[in-house]
Amino acid sequence: MMLPPFQDETELIEVVRITAALRHVNAEDLEGDDIAIWEAAEAADALKLISSLPDGELSRCFIPGWGIRAHSSTDLLFQIAFCFRCNGARLWGPGVLGKLNRIHSIDSDSAPAQELLRRFRSAMPTG
């Protein structure tokens, strides 16, 4: 999956468990429960994993269950909402222009996608 060129400015990632999935097709912000903060190497590893997601065949549902908010030291850089059912990942945010600002196809069955989903699930609080 192609990420914005300013992805290298990311200092932390908020991991979001999306609670209102149907609103994310055109939403201005990512809504849900913040479940984890990934910083430094953990954030860089997550972005590397996301950028390695291969294309898939996009279906129509787009009911995302997980998302991220990528931040620089001062600003929100971009957001991604992931639907592992329909192979879709919506990328948007400040400065995300043109062909990047849309729903991208991903292969949800690929090893990188399964690893990303595993990381999301393992970030959930227990109890």
Protein backbone atom coordinates (compact mmCIF):
# COMPACT_ATOMS: atom_id res chain seq x y z
CA MET A 1 0.00 0.00 0.00
CA MET A 2 1.36 3.38 -0.95
CA LEU A 3 1.72 5.82 1.93
CA PRO A 4 2.22 9.60 1.73
CA PRO A 5 5.80 10.79 1.20
CA PHE A 6 5.75 12.53 4.59
CA GLN A 7 5.24 9.21 6.42
CA ASP A 8 8.85 9.48 7.61
CA GLU A 9 7.77 12.35 9.89
CA THR A 10 5.66 9.92 11.94
CA GLU A 11 6.69 9.86 15.59
CA LEU A 12 3.72 8.03 17.02
CA ILE A 13 0.73 6.04 15.90
CA GLU A 14 -2.58 5.81 17.72
CA VAL A 15 -4.20 2.42 17.24
CA VAL A 16 -7.98 2.75 17.05
CA ARG A 17 -10.67 0.09 17.45
CA ILE A 18 -13.37 1.57 15.22
CA THR A 19 -16.78 1.74 16.88
CA ALA A 20 -18.90 3.39 14.16
CA ALA A 21 -17.67 1.53 11.10
CA LEU A 22 -20.28 2.68 8.57
CA ARG A 23 -19.32 6.35 8.88
CA HIS A 24 -15.75 5.88 7.66
CA VAL A 25 -16.36 5.91 3.92
CA ASN A 26 -16.30 9.72 3.86
CA ALA A 27 -15.64 10.72 7.48
CA GLU A 28 -13.34 13.60 8.30
CA ASP A 29 -11.89 11.86 11.34
CA LEU A 30 -11.29 8.34 12.58
CA GLU A 31 -13.78 7.56 15.33
CA GLY A 32 -13.31 4.80 17.84
CA ASP A 33 -11.58 3.73 20.99
CA ASP A 34 -7.87 4.50 21.25
CA ILE A 35 -6.37 1.23 22.43
CA ALA A 36 -2.61 1.73 22.05
CA ILE A 37 0.15 4.16 21.21
CA TRP A 38 3.02 2.89 19.08
CA GLU A 39 6.13 5.07 19.20
CA ALA A 40 9.63 5.10 17.70
CA ALA A 41 10.65 1.67 16.38
CA GLU A 42 7.19 0.18 16.93
CA ALA A 43 5.60 2.95 14.83
CA ALA A 44 8.27 2.63 12.13
CA ASP A 45 7.77 -1.16 12.01
CA ALA A 46 4.02 -0.72 11.66
CA LEU A 47 4.42 1.74 8.77
CA LYS A 48 6.88 -0.60 7.07
CA LEU A 49 4.35 -3.42 7.43
CA ILE A 50 1.51 -1.24 6.08
CA SER A 51 3.58 -0.09 3.11
CA SER A 52 4.33 -3.75 2.28
CA LEU A 53 0.62 -4.68 2.07
CA PRO A 54 0.07 -6.11 -1.41
CA ASP A 55 -2.88 -5.12 -3.57
CA GLY A 56 -5.95 -7.31 -3.36
CA GLU A 57 -9.35 -7.48 -4.95
CA LEU A 58 -11.48 -4.78 -3.36
CA SER A 59 -15.02 -5.82 -2.46
CA ARG A 60 -17.87 -3.52 -1.61
CA CYS A 61 -18.63 -3.67 2.10
CA PHE A 62 -16.00 -1.35 3.63
CA ILE A 63 -16.94 -1.76 7.26
CA PRO A 64 -13.56 -1.12 8.90
CA GLY A 65 -12.80 -2.47 12.36
CA TRP A 66 -9.31 -1.03 12.90
CA GLY A 67 -7.52 2.19 12.17
CA ILE A 68 -4.45 4.26 12.83
CA ARG A 69 -3.73 7.94 13.27
CA ALA A 70 -0.13 8.85 12.39
CA HIS A 71 1.29 11.93 14.12
CA SER A 72 4.44 14.00 13.78
CA SER A 73 5.80 15.75 16.85
CA THR A 74 3.22 18.52 16.34
CA ASP A 75 0.47 17.45 13.91
CA LEU A 76 -1.81 14.71 12.66
CA LEU A 77 -0.25 13.48 9.41
CA PHE A 78 -2.72 10.90 8.11
CA GLN A 79 -5.31 8.30 9.08
CA ILE A 80 -6.05 4.84 7.72
CA ALA A 81 -9.17 2.76 8.34
CA PHE A 82 -8.77 -0.96 7.54
CA CYS A 83 -11.51 -3.38 6.47
CA PHE A 84 -10.02 -6.87 6.45
CA ARG A 85 -13.30 -8.32 5.10
CA CYS A 86 -13.41 -6.41 1.80
CA ASN A 87 -9.66 -5.84 1.32
CA GLY A 88 -9.97 -2.09 1.75
CA ALA A 89 -7.87 0.55 3.48
CA ARG A 90 -9.00 4.17 3.36
CA LEU A 91 -6.14 6.67 3.56
CA TRP A 92 -6.85 10.35 4.23
CA GLY A 93 -5.74 13.36 6.23
CA PRO A 94 -3.94 16.68 5.98
CA GLY A 95 -1.78 16.76 2.90
CA VAL A 96 -2.98 13.41 1.55
CA LEU A 97 -3.90 14.50 -1.95
CA GLY A 98 -4.83 13.09 -5.33
CA LYS A 99 -4.68 9.37 -5.91
CA LEU A 100 -3.63 8.63 -2.33
CA ASN A 101 -6.79 10.10 -0.76
CA ARG A 102 -9.12 7.15 -1.30
CA ILE A 103 -9.87 3.53 -0.44
CA HIS A 104 -6.94 1.35 -1.51
CA SER A 105 -7.15 -2.37 -2.15
CA ILE A 106 -5.11 -4.65 0.09
CA ASP A 107 -4.78 -8.43 0.22
CA SER A 108 -6.22 -9.21 3.65
CA ASP A 109 -5.03 -12.82 3.42
CA SER A 110 -1.40 -11.84 2.81
CA ALA A 111 1.24 -12.40 5.49
CA PRO A 112 1.74 -8.62 6.08
CA ALA A 113 -2.02 -8.07 6.49
CA GLN A 114 -2.38 -11.00 8.87
CA GLU A 115 0.59 -9.72 10.91
CA LEU A 116 -0.93 -6.22 11.06
CA LEU A 117 -4.26 -7.67 12.19
CA ARG A 118 -2.44 -9.76 14.82
CA ARG A 119 -0.73 -6.60 16.13
CA PHE A 120 -4.04 -4.74 16.28
CA ARG A 121 -5.67 -7.58 18.21
CA SER A 122 -2.73 -7.95 20.59
CA ALA A 123 -2.95 -4.21 21.38
CA MET A 124 -6.45 -4.67 22.80
CA PRO A 125 -6.54 -4.30 26.57
CA THR A 126 -7.27 -7.50 28.43
CA GLY A 127 -9.77 -7.85 31.20
